[in-house]
Amino acid sequence: STSFQVGDKVIGIESGKLFYTDGYLRTNYHTSFDHTWKACEQTLADIKATDVTVVKKIAHGSFEAMLNEDKLRIAVEYVESDITEVAVRIGVAGNNYASQTIHSKIKNNLLQILKTD
């Protein structure tokens, strides 16, 4: 994993599916926006996030919440019919490990949703 700074942005390059940039850990889920959105909602409930603010538009949306003492932001963006990008950021500067944990929970919730849909 390599990262470098361009101006005030940190660009990360990582092999695999997770991409870390500007404190956000991003990945594409190969499923619909609606399924991905539901998985994110379920994840926030599972981790008992508080003060949740939701902004949802047609092709993108975000959740902002508090997780213990840290601000959590999850951005969901439609890429194409069965590809949705999710970006997770925890804290001011971002926390790669905590963000990976959130992505794991989103993925598990997504698998549950797809099984029952």
N, C-alpha and C. Protein backbone atom coordinates (compact mmCIF):
# COMPACT_ATOMS: atom_id res chain seq x y z
N SER A 1 0.84 -1.18 0.00
CA SER A 1 0.00 0.00 0.00
C SER A 1 0.89 1.25 0.00
N THR A 2 0.63 2.16 -0.90
CA THR A 2 1.42 3.36 -1.05
C THR A 2 0.51 4.57 -0.96
N SER A 3 1.00 5.66 -0.38
CA SER A 3 0.20 6.88 -0.44
C SER A 3 1.13 8.06 -0.63
N PHE A 4 0.60 9.11 -1.21
CA PHE A 4 1.40 10.31 -1.42
C PHE A 4 0.48 11.51 -1.31
N GLN A 5 1.04 12.66 -1.09
CA GLN A 5 0.26 13.85 -0.89
C GLN A 5 0.32 14.74 -2.12
N VAL A 6 -0.85 15.25 -2.53
CA VAL A 6 -0.95 16.19 -3.64
C VAL A 6 -1.71 17.39 -3.08
N GLY A 7 -1.01 18.48 -2.84
CA GLY A 7 -1.65 19.62 -2.19
C GLY A 7 -2.10 19.19 -0.80
N ASP A 8 -3.38 19.40 -0.47
CA ASP A 8 -3.86 18.97 0.84
C ASP A 8 -4.60 17.64 0.77
N LYS A 9 -4.52 16.96 -0.36
CA LYS A 9 -5.19 15.67 -0.50
C LYS A 9 -4.17 14.54 -0.42
N VAL A 10 -4.55 13.50 0.31
CA VAL A 10 -3.71 12.31 0.37
C VAL A 10 -4.33 11.28 -0.56
N ILE A 11 -3.54 10.81 -1.49
CA ILE A 11 -3.99 9.83 -2.47
C ILE A 11 -3.41 8.48 -2.07
N GLY A 12 -4.25 7.48 -1.99
CA GLY A 12 -3.78 6.15 -1.61
C GLY A 12 -3.88 5.20 -2.78
N ILE A 13 -2.94 4.31 -2.87
CA ILE A 13 -2.97 3.27 -3.89
C ILE A 13 -2.83 1.95 -3.16
N GLU A 14 -3.81 1.10 -3.35
CA GLU A 14 -3.78 -0.17 -2.63
C GLU A 14 -4.23 -1.27 -3.58
N SER A 15 -3.57 -2.40 -3.52
CA SER A 15 -4.02 -3.50 -4.35
C SER A 15 -5.31 -4.05 -3.73
N GLY A 16 -6.15 -4.65 -4.54
CA GLY A 16 -7.41 -5.15 -4.03
C GLY A 16 -8.52 -4.16 -4.30
N LYS A 17 -9.60 -4.29 -3.58
CA LYS A 17 -10.80 -3.55 -3.91
C LYS A 17 -11.00 -2.29 -3.08
N LEU A 18 -10.26 -2.12 -2.00
CA LEU A 18 -10.45 -0.95 -1.16
C LEU A 18 -9.45 0.13 -1.54
N PHE A 19 -9.91 1.35 -1.62
CA PHE A 19 -9.08 2.48 -2.04
C PHE A 19 -9.20 3.57 -0.99
N TYR A 20 -8.09 3.98 -0.41
CA TYR A 20 -8.09 4.94 0.68
C TYR A 20 -7.63 6.30 0.17
N THR A 21 -8.49 7.31 0.27
CA THR A 21 -8.13 8.65 -0.19
C THR A 21 -8.85 9.70 0.64
N ASP A 22 -8.13 10.75 1.03
CA ASP A 22 -8.70 11.85 1.82
C ASP A 22 -9.40 11.37 3.09
N GLY A 23 -8.91 10.30 3.69
CA GLY A 23 -9.52 9.79 4.91
C GLY A 23 -10.71 8.89 4.66
N TYR A 24 -11.12 8.77 3.39
CA TYR A 24 -12.23 7.89 3.04
C TYR A 24 -11.70 6.57 2.52
N LEU A 25 -12.31 5.49 2.96
CA LEU A 25 -12.01 4.17 2.42
C LEU A 25 -13.15 3.84 1.47
N ARG A 26 -12.84 3.73 0.19
CA ARG A 26 -13.86 3.55 -0.85
C ARG A 26 -13.79 2.16 -1.45
N THR A 27 -14.94 1.66 -1.84
CA THR A 27 -14.99 0.42 -2.60
C THR A 27 -16.27 0.39 -3.41
N ASN A 28 -16.27 -0.41 -4.46
CA ASN A 28 -17.47 -0.60 -5.26
C ASN A 28 -18.12 -1.92 -4.87
N TYR A 29 -19.42 -1.87 -4.62
CA TYR A 29 -20.20 -3.07 -4.38
C TYR A 29 -20.96 -3.37 -5.67
N HIS A 30 -20.92 -4.63 -6.08
CA HIS A 30 -21.56 -5.01 -7.34
C HIS A 30 -23.01 -5.40 -7.08
N THR A 31 -23.78 -4.38 -6.72
CA THR A 31 -25.20 -4.55 -6.46
C THR A 31 -25.88 -3.20 -6.62
N SER A 32 -27.19 -3.20 -6.56
CA SER A 32 -27.95 -1.98 -6.81
C SER A 32 -27.74 -0.93 -5.71
N PHE A 33 -28.01 0.30 -6.07
CA PHE A 33 -27.96 1.42 -5.12
C PHE A 33 -28.90 1.14 -3.94
N ASP A 34 -30.13 0.68 -4.22
CA ASP A 34 -31.10 0.46 -3.14
C ASP A 34 -30.66 -0.62 -2.16
N HIS A 35 -30.13 -1.72 -2.68
CA HIS A 35 -29.65 -2.78 -1.78
C HIS A 35 -28.48 -2.26 -0.93
N THR A 36 -27.58 -1.53 -1.57
CA THR A 36 -26.41 -1.00 -0.86
C THR A 36 -26.85 -0.01 0.21
N TRP A 37 -27.81 0.84 -0.13
CA TRP A 37 -28.35 1.83 0.83
C TRP A 37 -28.92 1.13 2.06
N LYS A 38 -29.73 0.08 1.82
CA LYS A 38 -30.33 -0.68 2.92
C LYS A 38 -29.24 -1.29 3.81
N ALA A 39 -28.19 -1.81 3.19
CA ALA A 39 -27.09 -2.42 3.94
C ALA A 39 -26.40 -1.38 4.83
N CYS A 40 -26.24 -0.16 4.31
CA CYS A 40 -25.63 0.92 5.10
C CYS A 40 -26.52 1.30 6.28
N GLU A 41 -27.83 1.41 6.03
CA GLU A 41 -28.78 1.72 7.11
C GLU A 41 -28.70 0.66 8.21
N GLN A 42 -28.68 -0.61 7.79
CA GLN A 42 -28.63 -1.72 8.75
C GLN A 42 -27.32 -1.68 9.55
N THR A 43 -26.23 -1.34 8.87
CA THR A 43 -24.92 -1.26 9.52
C THR A 43 -24.94 -0.20 10.62
N LEU A 44 -25.52 0.96 10.33
CA LEU A 44 -25.61 2.03 11.34
C LEU A 44 -26.41 1.57 12.55
N ALA A 45 -27.48 0.81 12.31
CA ALA A 45 -28.27 0.26 13.42
C ALA A 45 -27.44 -0.75 14.20
N ASP A 46 -26.74 -1.62 13.49
CA ASP A 46 -25.93 -2.68 14.13
C ASP A 46 -24.86 -2.11 15.05
N ILE A 47 -24.20 -1.03 14.62
CA ILE A 47 -23.10 -0.47 15.41
C ILE A 47 -23.59 0.56 16.43
N LYS A 48 -24.93 0.73 16.46
CA LYS A 48 -25.55 1.66 17.41
C LYS A 48 -25.02 3.09 17.26
N ALA A 49 -24.91 3.54 16.02
CA ALA A 49 -24.51 4.91 15.74
C ALA A 49 -25.60 5.85 16.26
N THR A 50 -25.19 7.03 16.70
CA THR A 50 -26.15 8.00 17.23
C THR A 50 -26.15 9.27 16.38
N ASP A 51 -27.13 10.12 16.61
CA ASP A 51 -27.24 11.41 15.90
C ASP A 51 -27.13 11.24 14.39
N VAL A 52 -27.85 10.28 13.85
CA VAL A 52 -27.75 9.96 12.43
C VAL A 52 -28.50 11.01 11.58
N THR A 53 -27.80 11.56 10.60
CA THR A 53 -28.40 12.48 9.63
C THR A 53 -28.31 11.80 8.27
N VAL A 54 -29.43 11.77 7.56
CA VAL A 54 -29.49 11.09 6.27
C VAL A 54 -29.84 12.10 5.18
N VAL A 55 -29.07 12.07 4.10
CA VAL A 55 -29.38 12.87 2.91
C VAL A 55 -29.43 11.89 1.75
N LYS A 56 -30.60 11.77 1.11
CA LYS A 56 -30.72 10.82 0.01
C LYS A 56 -31.29 11.51 -1.22
N LYS A 57 -30.54 11.42 -2.31
CA LYS A 57 -30.99 11.96 -3.60
C LYS A 57 -31.19 10.77 -4.52
N ILE A 58 -31.38 11.03 -5.80
CA ILE A 58 -31.67 9.93 -6.73
C ILE A 58 -30.47 8.99 -6.91
N ALA A 59 -29.30 9.53 -7.16
CA ALA A 59 -28.15 8.69 -7.50
C ALA A 59 -27.05 8.72 -6.45
N HIS A 60 -27.27 9.42 -5.35
CA HIS A 60 -26.26 9.44 -4.30
C HIS A 60 -26.90 9.88 -2.99
N GLY A 61 -26.18 9.61 -1.92
CA GLY A 61 -26.67 10.02 -0.61
C GLY A 61 -25.59 9.82 0.41
N SER A 62 -25.89 10.24 1.63
CA SER A 62 -24.90 10.07 2.69
C SER A 62 -25.56 9.93 4.04
N PHE A 63 -24.82 9.31 4.93
CA PHE A 63 -25.20 9.19 6.33
C PHE A 63 -24.10 9.86 7.14
N GLU A 64 -24.47 10.70 8.09
CA GLU A 64 -23.50 11.23 9.04
C GLU A 64 -24.02 10.84 10.41
N ALA A 65 -23.12 10.39 11.26
CA ALA A 65 -23.52 9.91 12.57
C ALA A 65 -22.34 10.01 13.53
N MET A 66 -22.62 9.73 14.79
CA MET A 66 -21.56 9.65 15.78
C MET A 66 -21.39 8.18 16.16
N LEU A 67 -20.13 7.77 16.22
CA LEU A 67 -19.79 6.42 16.65
C LEU A 67 -18.84 6.60 17.81
N ASN A 68 -19.33 6.34 19.00
CA ASN A 68 -18.59 6.67 20.23
C ASN A 68 -18.29 8.17 20.19
N GLU A 69 -17.02 8.56 20.16
CA GLU A 69 -16.67 9.99 20.15
C GLU A 69 -16.34 10.51 18.76
N ASP A 70 -16.41 9.62 17.76
CA ASP A 70 -15.96 9.99 16.41
C ASP A 70 -17.12 10.23 15.46
N LYS A 71 -16.93 11.17 14.55
CA LYS A 71 -17.90 11.42 13.50
C LYS A 71 -17.70 10.36 12.42
N LEU A 72 -18.79 9.79 11.98
CA LEU A 72 -18.78 8.76 10.95
C LEU A 72 -19.53 9.30 9.75
N ARG A 73 -18.96 9.15 8.56
CA ARG A 73 -19.66 9.54 7.34
C ARG A 73 -19.60 8.39 6.35
N ILE A 74 -20.75 8.03 5.82
CA ILE A 74 -20.83 7.01 4.78
C ILE A 74 -21.49 7.67 3.58
N ALA A 75 -20.78 7.70 2.46
CA ALA A 75 -21.33 8.25 1.22
C ALA A 75 -21.60 7.11 0.25
N VAL A 76 -22.78 7.12 -0.35
CA VAL A 76 -23.20 6.05 -1.26
C VAL A 76 -23.47 6.70 -2.61
N GLU A 77 -22.86 6.17 -3.65
CA GLU A 77 -23.02 6.78 -4.97
C GLU A 77 -23.27 5.73 -6.06
N TYR A 78 -24.31 5.97 -6.85
CA TYR A 78 -24.63 5.12 -7.98
C TYR A 78 -23.51 5.27 -9.02
N VAL A 79 -22.95 4.15 -9.48
CA VAL A 79 -21.93 4.17 -10.53
C VAL A 79 -22.55 3.72 -11.84
N GLU A 80 -23.15 2.53 -11.82
CA GLU A 80 -23.95 2.03 -12.95
C GLU A 80 -24.93 1.01 -12.40
N SER A 81 -25.76 0.39 -13.27
CA SER A 81 -26.91 -0.37 -12.77
C SER A 81 -26.61 -1.32 -11.61
N ASP A 82 -25.54 -2.06 -11.64
CA ASP A 82 -25.25 -2.95 -10.52
C ASP A 82 -23.90 -2.66 -9.89
N ILE A 83 -23.50 -1.40 -9.89
CA ILE A 83 -22.27 -1.01 -9.19
C ILE A 83 -22.55 0.26 -8.39
N THR A 84 -22.29 0.18 -7.10
CA THR A 84 -22.51 1.30 -6.19
C THR A 84 -21.23 1.53 -5.40
N GLU A 85 -20.74 2.77 -5.37
CA GLU A 85 -19.55 3.08 -4.59
C GLU A 85 -19.95 3.52 -3.19
N VAL A 86 -19.22 2.98 -2.21
CA VAL A 86 -19.43 3.39 -0.82
C VAL A 86 -18.10 3.90 -0.28
N ALA A 87 -18.14 5.10 0.32
CA ALA A 87 -16.96 5.70 0.93
C ALA A 87 -17.25 5.89 2.42
N VAL A 88 -16.33 5.40 3.26
CA VAL A 88 -16.50 5.47 4.71
C VAL A 88 -15.37 6.28 5.30
N ARG A 89 -15.72 7.21 6.19
CA ARG A 89 -14.71 8.00 6.89
C ARG A 89 -15.09 8.09 8.36
N ILE A 90 -14.12 7.82 9.22
CA ILE A 90 -14.34 7.91 10.66
C ILE A 90 -13.33 8.87 11.25
N GLY A 91 -13.82 9.84 12.02
CA GLY A 91 -12.94 10.82 12.64
C GLY A 91 -12.58 11.92 11.66
N VAL A 92 -11.79 12.87 12.12
CA VAL A 92 -11.43 14.03 11.31
C VAL A 92 -10.50 13.64 10.17
N ALA A 93 -9.48 12.86 10.48
CA ALA A 93 -8.48 12.50 9.48
C ALA A 93 -8.78 11.17 8.80
N GLY A 94 -9.76 10.44 9.32
CA GLY A 94 -10.05 9.12 8.79
C GLY A 94 -9.28 8.06 9.56
N ASN A 95 -9.84 6.87 9.62
CA ASN A 95 -9.24 5.75 10.33
C ASN A 95 -9.41 4.53 9.45
N ASN A 96 -8.34 4.13 8.78
CA ASN A 96 -8.40 3.06 7.80
C ASN A 96 -8.93 1.77 8.42
N TYR A 97 -8.43 1.39 9.59
CA TYR A 97 -8.85 0.13 10.21
C TYR A 97 -10.33 0.16 10.57
N ALA A 98 -10.78 1.24 11.22
CA ALA A 98 -12.19 1.34 11.61
C ALA A 98 -13.08 1.36 10.37
N SER A 99 -12.63 2.03 9.31
CA SER A 99 -13.41 2.08 8.07
C SER A 99 -13.51 0.70 7.44
N GLN A 100 -12.44 -0.09 7.51
CA GLN A 100 -12.48 -1.47 6.98
C GLN A 100 -13.51 -2.29 7.74
N THR A 101 -13.60 -2.09 9.05
CA THR A 101 -14.57 -2.81 9.88
C THR A 101 -15.99 -2.47 9.44
N ILE A 102 -16.24 -1.18 9.18
CA ILE A 102 -17.56 -0.75 8.72
C ILE A 102 -17.87 -1.38 7.36
N HIS A 103 -16.89 -1.37 6.44
CA HIS A 103 -17.10 -2.00 5.13
C HIS A 103 -17.42 -3.49 5.28
N SER A 104 -16.77 -4.17 6.20
CA SER A 104 -17.05 -5.60 6.42
C SER A 104 -18.50 -5.80 6.85
N LYS A 105 -18.97 -4.93 7.73
CA LYS A 105 -20.35 -5.01 8.21
C LYS A 105 -21.34 -4.71 7.07
N ILE A 106 -21.02 -3.70 6.25
CA ILE A 106 -21.89 -3.38 5.11
C ILE A 106 -21.97 -4.60 4.18
N LYS A 107 -20.82 -5.19 3.89
CA LYS A 107 -20.77 -6.35 3.00
C LYS A 107 -21.61 -7.51 3.56
N ASN A 108 -21.46 -7.78 4.86
CA ASN A 108 -22.24 -8.87 5.47
C ASN A 108 -23.74 -8.58 5.42
N ASN A 109 -24.12 -7.32 5.69
CA ASN A 109 -25.53 -6.95 5.61
C ASN A 109 -26.05 -7.07 4.18
N LEU A 110 -25.22 -6.70 3.23
CA LEU A 110 -25.59 -6.79 1.82
C LEU A 110 -25.85 -8.25 1.44
N LEU A 111 -25.01 -9.15 1.91
CA LEU A 111 -25.20 -10.57 1.61
C LEU A 111 -26.53 -11.07 2.19
N GLN A 112 -26.87 -10.62 3.40
CA GLN A 112 -28.15 -11.00 4.02
C GLN A 112 -29.33 -10.46 3.22
N ILE A 113 -29.23 -9.20 2.80
CA ILE A 113 -30.31 -8.56 2.02
C ILE A 113 -30.50 -9.29 0.69
N LEU A 114 -29.38 -9.61 0.03
CA LEU A 114 -29.49 -10.28 -1.28
C LEU A 114 -30.07 -11.69 -1.15
N LYS A 115 -29.81 -12.36 -0.02
CA LYS A 115 -30.36 -13.70 0.21
C LYS A 115 -31.88 -13.65 0.34
N THR A 116 -32.38 -12.59 1.00
CA THR A 116 -33.81 -12.54 1.29
C THR A 116 -34.62 -11.79 0.24
N ASP A 117 -33.93 -11.13 -0.68
CA ASP A 117 -34.67 -10.32 -1.68
C ASP A 117 -35.12 -11.17 -2.86
